[in-house]
Amino acid sequence: MSIDIVMDFHEGFEPAAELPQLWQQAAETALLVAGVDDDIYEVSLVVCGDEEIHELNREYRGVDRPTDVLSFALEEGEDMWVPEGEPLLLGDIVISLPRAEAQAAEYGHSLRREAVFLFVHGMLHLLGYDHMEPEDEREMRELQDAIMDKLGISR
């Protein structure tokens, strides 16, 4: 099992140097904890500002405000045919760096922790998890905690 993250940092929203490596570790750990293996995967990550994520949130979710993270799964539960040796494209994760910074301050932890948590949350959505029902929310929270613990990043 392997995963490649194609990262796009929009101008003015370049993350700290350690974050790309942590996101890579988080992606690998999410696949491991979720029990996904025996394939090659690819995820797109966009790090942007509040204005951009606000526009995406309004356009795709009908919510007229900025948010912290959005996920756009390409598979949505359907089996996709992938040529031999090519990665399975899971989808896109979009993180608002200013929103992550504000939430880190609000919750009293580091930007490192918040940015990795948001990425993990997005990865789990791409893997088909959601938090619409209480039991689904509990399962997703347990997976998030397990991944963050394996990464050694606590609250």
Protein backbone atom coordinates (compact mmCIF):
# COMPACT_ATOMS: atom_id res chain seq x y z
CA MET A 1 0.00 0.00 0.00
CA SER A 2 1.26 3.44 -0.86
CA ILE A 3 -0.21 6.89 -1.26
CA ASP A 4 0.96 9.99 -3.07
CA ILE A 5 -0.32 13.43 -2.10
CA VAL A 6 -0.32 16.07 -4.82
CA MET A 7 -0.07 19.32 -2.85
CA ASP A 8 -1.04 22.78 -4.06
CA PHE A 9 -0.29 25.69 -1.74
CA HIS A 10 -2.05 28.80 -2.95
CA GLU A 11 -0.07 32.02 -2.82
CA GLY A 12 0.29 33.36 0.70
CA PHE A 13 -0.86 30.10 2.30
CA GLU A 14 2.30 28.02 2.38
CA PRO A 15 2.28 25.80 5.49
CA ALA A 16 5.17 25.28 7.89
CA ALA A 17 7.89 23.08 6.41
CA GLU A 18 7.04 20.10 8.64
CA LEU A 19 3.38 19.85 7.58
CA PRO A 20 3.76 18.19 4.15
CA GLN A 21 5.71 15.32 5.71
CA LEU A 22 3.15 15.00 8.52
CA TRP A 23 0.30 14.97 6.00
CA GLN A 24 2.07 12.17 4.14
CA GLN A 25 2.43 10.18 7.38
CA ALA A 26 -1.21 10.91 8.24
CA ALA A 27 -2.39 9.62 4.85
CA GLU A 28 -0.41 6.40 5.23
CA THR A 29 -1.64 5.95 8.81
CA ALA A 30 -5.27 6.61 7.82
CA LEU A 31 -5.09 3.86 5.21
CA LEU A 32 -3.53 1.49 7.72
CA VAL A 33 -6.00 2.22 10.55
CA ALA A 34 -8.98 2.07 8.16
CA GLY A 35 -7.78 -1.33 6.95
CA VAL A 36 -7.17 -0.24 3.37
CA ASP A 37 -4.27 -2.00 1.70
CA ASP A 38 -2.90 -3.69 -1.41
CA ASP A 39 -3.28 -0.69 -3.70
CA ILE A 40 -1.64 2.52 -4.81
CA TYR A 41 -3.57 5.70 -3.98
CA GLU A 42 -3.41 9.39 -4.79
CA VAL A 43 -4.98 12.35 -3.01
CA SER A 44 -4.98 16.01 -4.00
CA LEU A 45 -4.49 18.56 -1.21
CA VAL A 46 -5.13 22.26 -1.65
CA VAL A 47 -4.15 24.71 1.09
CA CYS A 48 -5.87 28.05 0.61
CA GLY A 49 -7.50 30.98 2.37
CA ASP A 50 -10.96 31.63 3.78
CA GLU A 51 -12.24 33.42 0.69
CA GLU A 52 -11.50 30.48 -1.59
CA ILE A 53 -12.89 27.81 0.73
CA HIS A 54 -15.96 30.01 1.34
CA GLU A 55 -16.64 30.04 -2.40
CA LEU A 56 -16.26 26.23 -2.63
CA ASN A 57 -18.46 25.70 0.43
CA ARG A 58 -21.18 27.89 -1.09
CA GLU A 59 -20.95 26.31 -4.53
CA TYR A 60 -20.77 22.64 -3.55
CA ARG A 61 -22.52 22.48 -0.18
CA GLY A 62 -24.86 25.46 -0.31
CA VAL A 63 -23.30 26.85 2.88
CA ASP A 64 -22.49 30.56 2.62
CA ARG A 65 -19.51 30.81 4.98
CA PRO A 66 -15.91 29.67 5.15
CA THR A 67 -15.13 26.30 6.70
CA ASP A 68 -11.99 24.54 7.86
CA VAL A 69 -11.82 21.52 5.54
CA LEU A 70 -13.71 20.20 2.52
CA SER A 71 -13.41 16.77 0.93
CA PHE A 72 -14.44 15.81 -2.57
CA ALA A 73 -14.37 12.05 -3.02
CA LEU A 74 -14.03 10.79 -6.57
CA GLU A 75 -15.22 7.28 -5.89
CA GLU A 76 -18.35 7.79 -3.75
CA GLY A 77 -18.74 4.07 -3.04
CA GLU A 78 -18.49 2.93 -6.65
CA ASP A 79 -15.82 0.57 -7.89
CA MET A 80 -13.56 2.42 -10.28
CA TRP A 81 -11.51 0.70 -12.92
CA VAL A 82 -7.86 1.63 -12.59
CA PRO A 83 -5.19 0.59 -15.11
CA GLU A 84 -2.57 -1.80 -13.75
CA GLY A 85 0.13 0.08 -11.82
CA GLU A 86 -1.78 3.36 -11.77
CA PRO A 87 -2.96 4.96 -8.51
CA LEU A 88 -6.60 4.96 -7.42
CA LEU A 89 -7.55 8.64 -7.20
CA LEU A 90 -9.39 9.07 -3.90
CA GLY A 91 -10.28 12.74 -4.34
CA ASP A 92 -9.47 16.22 -3.11
CA ILE A 93 -8.99 17.73 0.33
CA VAL A 94 -9.10 21.51 0.72
CA ILE A 95 -7.86 23.11 3.95
CA SER A 96 -8.19 26.78 4.90
CA LEU A 97 -4.91 27.69 6.61
CA PRO A 98 -6.34 30.84 8.27
CA ARG A 99 -9.28 28.80 9.64
CA ALA A 100 -6.86 26.14 10.93
CA GLU A 101 -4.78 28.85 12.65
CA ALA A 102 -7.86 30.40 14.26
CA GLN A 103 -9.17 27.03 15.46
CA ALA A 104 -5.77 26.06 16.88
CA ALA A 105 -5.79 29.25 18.95
CA GLU A 106 -9.44 28.74 19.94
CA TYR A 107 -8.91 25.11 21.02
CA GLY A 108 -5.59 25.84 22.73
CA HIS A 109 -3.38 23.55 20.71
CA SER A 110 -0.78 23.92 17.96
CA LEU A 111 -1.36 24.69 14.31
CA ARG A 112 0.57 21.46 13.64
CA ARG A 113 -2.07 19.46 15.51
CA GLU A 114 -5.02 21.27 13.91
CA ALA A 115 -3.69 21.05 10.35
CA VAL A 116 -2.97 17.31 10.67
CA PHE A 117 -6.35 16.67 12.30
CA LEU A 118 -8.17 18.48 9.48
CA PHE A 119 -6.24 16.44 6.92
CA VAL A 120 -7.10 13.17 8.74
CA HIS A 121 -10.76 14.21 8.87
CA GLY A 122 -10.70 14.86 5.13
CA MET A 123 -8.93 11.57 4.41
CA LEU A 124 -11.57 9.61 6.30
CA HIS A 125 -14.29 11.29 4.23
CA LEU A 126 -12.44 10.26 1.06
CA LEU A 127 -12.36 6.70 2.40
CA GLY A 128 -16.15 6.73 2.78
CA TYR A 129 -16.65 7.68 6.43
CA ASP A 130 -19.08 10.38 7.54
CA HIS A 131 -20.59 11.80 10.71
CA MET A 132 -24.23 12.27 9.77
CA GLU A 133 -25.59 9.67 12.20
CA PRO A 134 -24.47 9.33 15.85
CA GLU A 135 -22.98 5.85 15.38
CA ASP A 136 -21.13 7.00 12.23
CA GLU A 137 -19.85 10.06 14.07
CA ARG A 138 -18.60 7.87 16.93
CA GLU A 139 -16.82 5.52 14.50
CA MET A 140 -15.20 8.41 12.65
CA ARG A 141 -14.11 10.07 15.90
CA GLU A 142 -12.56 6.80 17.12
CA LEU A 143 -10.66 6.42 13.84
CA GLN A 144 -9.47 10.04 13.97
CA ASP A 145 -8.25 9.54 17.55
CA ALA A 146 -6.50 6.27 16.63
CA ILE A 147 -4.72 7.90 13.68
CA MET A 148 -3.66 10.95 15.70
CA ASP A 149 -2.42 8.68 18.51
CA LYS A 150 -0.37 6.58 16.06
CA LEU A 151 1.15 9.83 14.76
CA GLY A 152 1.96 10.89 18.33
CA ILE A 153 -0.08 14.08 17.99
CA SER A 154 -2.40 14.53 20.95
CA ARG A 155 -4.80 17.26 21.94
